[in-house]
């Protein structure tokens, strides 16, 4: 990972971090609850311990219906 970068988890994949390196694995089979951010944050905590930090930006873009 590099400083001052934004990494986005692609659709149909899980992202993990181990020894400071990001990796992608295929999304679990249908039927399992798909929680990619939980999967990533657990791997981040396991890898970086107390040095881990995460910023989650959530929301949706405004639409004409939101006025």
PDB file of N, CA and C in Angstrom:
ATOM      1  N   UNK A   1       0.841  -1.170   0.000  1.00  0.00           N
ATOM      2  CA  UNK A   1       0.000   0.000   0.000  1.00  0.00           C
ATOM      3  C   UNK A   1       0.884   1.230   0.000  1.00  0.00           C
ATOM      4  N   UNK A   2       0.376   2.267  -0.626  1.00  0.00           N
ATOM      5  CA  UNK A   2       1.116   3.522  -0.702  1.00  0.00           C
ATOM      6  C   UNK A   2       0.343   4.623   0.003  1.00  0.00           C
ATOM      7  N   UNK A   3       1.053   5.582   0.601  1.00  0.00           N
ATOM      8  CA  UNK A   3       0.357   6.699   1.255  1.00  0.00           C
ATOM      9  C   UNK A   3      -0.370   7.563   0.223  1.00  0.00           C
ATOM     10  N   UNK A   4      -1.386   8.261   0.703  1.00  0.00           N
ATOM     11  CA  UNK A   4      -2.135   9.213  -0.123  1.00  0.00           C
ATOM     12  C   UNK A   4      -2.800   8.562  -1.333  1.00  0.00           C
ATOM     13  N   UNK A   5      -3.254   7.339  -1.170  1.00  0.00           N
ATOM     14  CA  UNK A   5      -3.946   6.617  -2.237  1.00  0.00           C
ATOM     15  C   UNK A   5      -5.309   6.184  -1.716  1.00  0.00           C
ATOM     16  N   UNK A   6      -6.241   5.991  -2.624  1.00  0.00           N
ATOM     17  CA  UNK A   6      -7.553   5.447  -2.300  1.00  0.00           C
ATOM     18  C   UNK A   6      -7.657   4.108  -3.000  1.00  0.00           C
ATOM     19  N   UNK A   7      -8.031   3.089  -2.253  1.00  0.00           N
ATOM     20  CA  UNK A   7      -8.208   1.749  -2.814  1.00  0.00           C
ATOM     21  C   UNK A   7      -9.683   1.390  -2.721  1.00  0.00           C
ATOM     22  N   UNK A   8     -10.234   0.892  -3.799  1.00  0.00           N
ATOM     23  CA  UNK A   8     -11.647   0.539  -3.866  1.00  0.00           C
ATOM     24  C   UNK A   8     -11.762  -0.965  -4.095  1.00  0.00           C
ATOM     25  N   UNK A   9     -12.610  -1.621  -3.313  1.00  0.00           N
ATOM     26  CA  UNK A   9     -12.825  -3.058  -3.491  1.00  0.00           C
ATOM     27  C   UNK A   9     -13.694  -3.247  -4.729  1.00  0.00           C
ATOM     28  N   UNK A  10     -13.211  -3.971  -5.730  1.00  0.00           N
ATOM     29  CA  UNK A  10     -14.013  -4.175  -6.933  1.00  0.00           C
ATOM     30  C   UNK A  10     -15.205  -5.102  -6.666  1.00  0.00           C
ATOM     31  N   UNK A  11     -16.230  -5.015  -7.524  1.00  0.00           N
ATOM     32  CA  UNK A  11     -17.376  -5.905  -7.348  1.00  0.00           C
ATOM     33  C   UNK A  11     -16.948  -7.373  -7.476  1.00  0.00           C
ATOM     34  N   UNK A  12     -17.675  -8.229  -6.804  1.00  0.00           N
ATOM     35  CA  UNK A  12     -17.438  -9.677  -6.874  1.00  0.00           C
ATOM     36  C   UNK A  12     -16.057 -10.103  -6.393  1.00  0.00           C
ATOM     37  N   UNK A  13     -15.493  -9.348  -5.449  1.00  0.00           N
ATOM     38  CA  UNK A  13     -14.178  -9.701  -4.913  1.00  0.00           C
ATOM     39  C   UNK A  13     -14.103  -9.344  -3.434  1.00  0.00           C
ATOM     40  N   UNK A  14     -13.202  -9.990  -2.740  1.00  0.00           N
ATOM     41  CA  UNK A  14     -12.817  -9.622  -1.380  1.00  0.00           C
ATOM     42  C   UNK A  14     -11.396  -9.103  -1.443  1.00  0.00           C
ATOM     43  N   UNK A  15     -11.106  -8.083  -0.642  1.00  0.00           N
ATOM     44  CA  UNK A  15      -9.758  -7.542  -0.559  1.00  0.00           C
ATOM     45  C   UNK A  15      -9.229  -7.824   0.835  1.00  0.00           C
ATOM     46  N   UNK A  16      -7.994  -8.304   0.900  1.00  0.00           N
ATOM     47  CA  UNK A  16      -7.338  -8.531   2.186  1.00  0.00           C
ATOM     48  C   UNK A  16      -5.979  -7.850   2.164  1.00  0.00           C
ATOM     49  N   UNK A  17      -5.416  -7.719   3.346  1.00  0.00           N
ATOM     50  CA  UNK A  17      -4.059  -7.202   3.463  1.00  0.00           C
ATOM     51  C   UNK A  17      -3.276  -8.158   4.350  1.00  0.00           C
ATOM     52  N   UNK A  18      -2.089  -8.494   3.912  1.00  0.00           N
ATOM     53  CA  UNK A  18      -1.188  -9.354   4.685  1.00  0.00           C
ATOM     54  C   UNK A  18       0.238  -8.873   4.438  1.00  0.00           C
ATOM     55  N   UNK A  19       0.938  -8.638   5.536  1.00  0.00           N
ATOM     56  CA  UNK A  19       2.308  -8.114   5.461  1.00  0.00           C
ATOM     57  C   UNK A  19       2.388  -6.851   4.610  1.00  0.00           C
ATOM     58  N   UNK A  20       1.334  -6.006   4.704  1.00  0.00           N
ATOM     59  CA  UNK A  20       1.327  -4.732   3.997  1.00  0.00           C
ATOM     60  C   UNK A  20       0.982  -4.823   2.521  1.00  0.00           C
ATOM     61  N   UNK A  21       0.600  -5.992   2.042  1.00  0.00           N
ATOM     62  CA  UNK A  21       0.293  -6.177   0.621  1.00  0.00           C
ATOM     63  C   UNK A  21      -1.188  -6.482   0.441  1.00  0.00           C
ATOM     64  N   UNK A  22      -1.828  -5.737  -0.465  1.00  0.00           N
ATOM     65  CA  UNK A  22      -3.234  -5.985  -0.765  1.00  0.00           C
ATOM     66  C   UNK A  22      -3.372  -7.169  -1.702  1.00  0.00           C
ATOM     67  N   UNK A  23      -4.418  -7.962  -1.478  1.00  0.00           N
ATOM     68  CA  UNK A  23      -4.702  -9.111  -2.341  1.00  0.00           C
ATOM     69  C   UNK A  23      -6.197  -9.167  -2.601  1.00  0.00           C
ATOM     70  N   UNK A  24      -6.567  -9.686  -3.772  1.00  0.00           N
ATOM     71  CA  UNK A  24      -7.968  -9.889  -4.119  1.00  0.00           C
ATOM     72  C   UNK A  24      -8.254 -11.375  -4.212  1.00  0.00           C
ATOM     73  N   UNK A  25      -9.430 -11.764  -3.712  1.00  0.00           N
ATOM     74  CA  UNK A  25      -9.889 -13.142  -3.840  1.00  0.00           C
ATOM     75  C   UNK A  25     -11.319 -13.092  -4.369  1.00  0.00           C
ATOM     76  N   UNK A  26     -11.779 -14.148  -5.038  1.00  0.00           N
ATOM     77  CA  UNK A  26     -13.145 -14.150  -5.566  1.00  0.00           C
ATOM     78  C   UNK A  26     -14.183 -14.044  -4.444  1.00  0.00           C
ATOM     79  N   UNK A  27     -15.309 -13.433  -4.773  1.00  0.00           N
ATOM     80  CA  UNK A  27     -16.426 -13.311  -3.846  1.00  0.00           C
ATOM     81  C   UNK A  27     -16.952 -14.700  -3.496  1.00  0.00           C
ATOM     82  N   UNK A  28     -17.413 -14.904  -2.257  1.00  0.00           N
ATOM     83  CA  UNK A  28     -17.964 -16.209  -1.878  1.00  0.00           C
ATOM     84  C   UNK A  28     -19.165 -16.575  -2.747  1.00  0.00           C
ATOM     85  N   UNK A  29     -19.451 -17.854  -2.773  1.00  0.00           N
ATOM     86  CA  UNK A  29     -20.603 -18.346  -3.534  1.00  0.00           C
ATOM     87  C   UNK A  29     -21.900 -17.721  -3.020  1.00  0.00           C
ATOM     88  N   UNK A  30     -22.888 -17.678  -3.906  1.00  0.00           N
ATOM     89  CA  UNK A  30     -24.199 -17.144  -3.538  1.00  0.00           C
ATOM     90  C   UNK A  30     -24.741 -17.907  -2.339  1.00  0.00           C
ATOM     91  N   UNK A  31     -25.519 -17.248  -1.542  1.00  0.00           N
ATOM     92  CA  UNK A  31     -26.080 -17.881  -0.351  1.00  0.00           C
ATOM     93  C   UNK A  31     -25.418 -17.395   0.918  1.00  0.00           C
ATOM     94  N   UNK A  32     -24.161 -17.031   0.841  1.00  0.00           N
ATOM     95  CA  UNK A  32     -23.479 -16.463   2.002  1.00  0.00           C
ATOM     96  C   UNK A  32     -23.712 -14.956   1.997  1.00  0.00           C
ATOM     97  N   UNK A  33     -23.792 -14.375   3.165  1.00  0.00           N
ATOM     98  CA  UNK A  33     -23.941 -12.923   3.253  1.00  0.00           C
ATOM     99  C   UNK A  33     -22.640 -12.280   2.792  1.00  0.00           C
ATOM    100  N   UNK A  34     -22.742 -11.328   1.879  1.00  0.00           N
ATOM    101  CA  UNK A  34     -21.564 -10.687   1.291  1.00  0.00           C
ATOM    102  C   UNK A  34     -21.273  -9.388   2.030  1.00  0.00           C
ATOM    103  N   UNK A  35     -20.181  -9.380   2.799  1.00  0.00           N
ATOM    104  CA  UNK A  35     -19.797  -8.226   3.606  1.00  0.00           C
ATOM    105  C   UNK A  35     -18.330  -7.890   3.336  1.00  0.00           C
ATOM    106  N   UNK A  36     -18.010  -7.360   2.153  1.00  0.00           N
ATOM    107  CA  UNK A  36     -16.603  -7.166   1.786  1.00  0.00           C
ATOM    108  C   UNK A  36     -15.842  -6.214   2.698  1.00  0.00           C
ATOM    109  N   UNK A  37     -16.490  -5.165   3.204  1.00  0.00           N
ATOM    110  CA  UNK A  37     -15.757  -4.234   4.060  1.00  0.00           C
ATOM    111  C   UNK A  37     -15.412  -4.883   5.394  1.00  0.00           C
ATOM    112  N   UNK A  38     -16.314  -5.706   5.941  1.00  0.00           N
ATOM    113  CA  UNK A  38     -16.006  -6.425   7.185  1.00  0.00           C
ATOM    114  C   UNK A  38     -14.819  -7.360   6.984  1.00  0.00           C
ATOM    115  N   UNK A  39     -14.826  -8.065   5.873  1.00  0.00           N
ATOM    116  CA  UNK A  39     -13.746  -8.993   5.537  1.00  0.00           C
ATOM    117  C   UNK A  39     -12.403  -8.244   5.481  1.00  0.00           C
ATOM    118  N   UNK A  40     -12.396  -7.084   4.798  1.00  0.00           N
ATOM    119  CA  UNK A  40     -11.162  -6.298   4.687  1.00  0.00           C
ATOM    120  C   UNK A  40     -10.724  -5.731   6.029  1.00  0.00           C
ATOM    121  N   UNK A  41     -11.650  -5.147   6.781  1.00  0.00           N
ATOM    122  CA  UNK A  41     -11.259  -4.534   8.059  1.00  0.00           C
ATOM    123  C   UNK A  41     -10.723  -5.554   9.054  1.00  0.00           C
ATOM    124  N   UNK A  42     -11.249  -6.770   9.025  1.00  0.00           N
ATOM    125  CA  UNK A  42     -10.699  -7.824   9.897  1.00  0.00           C
ATOM    126  C   UNK A  42      -9.268  -8.170   9.503  1.00  0.00           C
ATOM    127  N   UNK A  43      -9.008  -8.251   8.201  1.00  0.00           N
ATOM    128  CA  UNK A  43      -7.643  -8.561   7.767  1.00  0.00           C
ATOM    129  C   UNK A  43      -6.703  -7.393   8.080  1.00  0.00           C
ATOM    130  N   UNK A  44      -7.191  -6.160   7.960  1.00  0.00           N
ATOM    131  CA  UNK A  44      -6.388  -4.974   8.293  1.00  0.00           C
ATOM    132  C   UNK A  44      -6.016  -4.979   9.774  1.00  0.00           C
ATOM    133  N   UNK A  45      -6.978  -5.260  10.634  1.00  0.00           N
ATOM    134  CA  UNK A  45      -6.708  -5.306  12.077  1.00  0.00           C
ATOM    135  C   UNK A  45      -5.718  -6.412  12.427  1.00  0.00           C
ATOM    136  N   UNK A  46      -5.875  -7.569  11.795  1.00  0.00           N
ATOM    137  CA  UNK A  46      -4.956  -8.683  12.067  1.00  0.00           C
ATOM    138  C   UNK A  46      -3.547  -8.360  11.589  1.00  0.00           C
ATOM    139  N   UNK A  47      -3.429  -7.670  10.470  1.00  0.00           N
ATOM    140  CA  UNK A  47      -2.113  -7.384   9.892  1.00  0.00           C
ATOM    141  C   UNK A  47      -1.419  -6.203  10.568  1.00  0.00           C
ATOM    142  N   UNK A  48      -2.147  -5.132  10.792  1.00  0.00           N
ATOM    143  CA  UNK A  48      -1.521  -3.892  11.258  1.00  0.00           C
ATOM    144  C   UNK A  48      -1.666  -3.631  12.755  1.00  0.00           C
ATOM    145  N   UNK A  49      -2.501  -4.427  13.424  1.00  0.00           N
ATOM    146  CA  UNK A  49      -2.719  -4.300  14.877  1.00  0.00           C
ATOM    147  C   UNK A  49      -3.099  -2.863  15.250  1.00  0.00           C
ATOM    148  N   UNK A  50      -2.388  -2.257  16.200  1.00  0.00           N
ATOM    149  CA  UNK A  50      -2.746  -0.917  16.680  1.00  0.00           C
ATOM    150  C   UNK A  50      -2.385   0.191  15.693  1.00  0.00           C
ATOM    151  N   UNK A  51      -1.699  -0.124  14.608  1.00  0.00           N
ATOM    152  CA  UNK A  51      -1.355   0.881  13.588  1.00  0.00           C
ATOM    153  C   UNK A  51      -2.463   1.045  12.543  1.00  0.00           C
ATOM    154  N   UNK A  52      -3.503   0.204  12.619  1.00  0.00           N
ATOM    155  CA  UNK A  52      -4.574   0.222  11.617  1.00  0.00           C
ATOM    156  C   UNK A  52      -5.473   1.442  11.788  1.00  0.00           C
ATOM    157  N   UNK A  53      -5.884   1.996  10.663  1.00  0.00           N
ATOM    158  CA  UNK A  53      -6.860   3.081  10.656  1.00  0.00           C
ATOM    159  C   UNK A  53      -7.671   2.932   9.380  1.00  0.00           C
ATOM    160  N   UNK A  54      -8.934   3.240   9.449  1.00  0.00           N
ATOM    161  CA  UNK A  54      -9.790   3.161   8.272  1.00  0.00           C
ATOM    162  C   UNK A  54     -10.724   4.351   8.220  1.00  0.00           C
ATOM    163  N   UNK A  55     -10.979   4.835   7.032  1.00  0.00           N
ATOM    164  CA  UNK A  55     -11.938   5.907   6.805  1.00  0.00           C
ATOM    165  C   UNK A  55     -12.956   5.356   5.824  1.00  0.00           C
ATOM    166  N   UNK A  56     -14.200   5.352   6.223  1.00  0.00           N
ATOM    167  CA  UNK A  56     -15.250   4.821   5.374  1.00  0.00           C
ATOM    168  C   UNK A  56     -16.140   5.973   4.934  1.00  0.00           C
ATOM    169  N   UNK A  57     -16.195   6.190   3.632  1.00  0.00           N
ATOM    170  CA  UNK A  57     -17.060   7.213   3.062  1.00  0.00           C
ATOM    171  C   UNK A  57     -18.282   6.495   2.514  1.00  0.00           C
ATOM    172  N   UNK A  58     -19.438   6.877   2.989  1.00  0.00           N
ATOM    173  CA  UNK A  58     -20.654   6.176   2.601  1.00  0.00           C
ATOM    174  C   UNK A  58     -21.703   7.185   2.187  1.00  0.00           C
ATOM    175  N   UNK A  59     -22.573   6.759   1.340  1.00  0.00           N
ATOM    176  CA  UNK A  59     -23.660   7.617   0.907  1.00  0.00           C
ATOM    177  C   UNK A  59     -23.954   7.371  -0.549  1.00  0.00           C
ATOM    178  N   UNK A  60     -24.831   8.160  -1.068  1.00  0.00           N
ATOM    179  CA  UNK A  60     -25.155   8.058  -2.480  1.00  0.00           C
ATOM    180  C   UNK A  60     -25.204   9.444  -3.072  1.00  0.00           C
ATOM    181  N   UNK A  61     -24.952   9.546  -4.365  1.00  0.00           N
ATOM    182  CA  UNK A  61     -24.957  10.878  -4.980  1.00  0.00           C
ATOM    183  C   UNK A  61     -26.360  11.476  -4.969  1.00  0.00           C
ATOM    184  N   UNK A  62     -26.454  12.793  -4.925  1.00  0.00           N
ATOM    185  CA  UNK A  62     -27.770  13.417  -4.952  1.00  0.00           C
ATOM    186  C   UNK A  62     -28.474  13.149  -6.284  1.00  0.00           C
ATOM    187  N   UNK A  63     -29.767  13.079  -6.235  1.00  0.00           N
ATOM    188  CA  UNK A  63     -30.557  12.890  -7.456  1.00  0.00           C
ATOM    189  C   UNK A  63     -31.596  13.998  -7.543  1.00  0.00           C
ATOM    190  N   UNK A  64     -32.272  14.060  -8.660  1.00  0.00           N
ATOM    191  CA  UNK A  64     -33.314  15.058  -8.832  1.00  0.00           C
ATOM    192  C   UNK A  64     -34.455  14.836  -7.850  1.00  0.00           C
ATOM    193  N   UNK A  65     -34.613  13.591  -7.366  1.00  0.00           N
ATOM    194  CA  UNK A  65     -35.691  13.280  -6.442  1.00  0.00           C
ATOM    195  C   UNK A  65     -35.397  13.676  -5.015  1.00  0.00           C
ATOM    196  N   UNK A  66     -34.140  14.047  -4.708  1.00  0.00           N
ATOM    197  CA  UNK A  66     -33.778  14.341  -3.325  1.00  0.00           C
ATOM    198  C   UNK A  66     -34.077  15.786  -2.920  1.00  0.00           C
ATOM    199  N   UNK A  67     -34.554  16.589  -3.834  1.00  0.00           N
ATOM    200  CA  UNK A  67     -34.813  18.001  -3.542  1.00  0.00           C
ATOM    201  C   UNK A  67     -36.041  18.191  -2.695  1.00  0.00           C
TER     202      UNK A  67
END
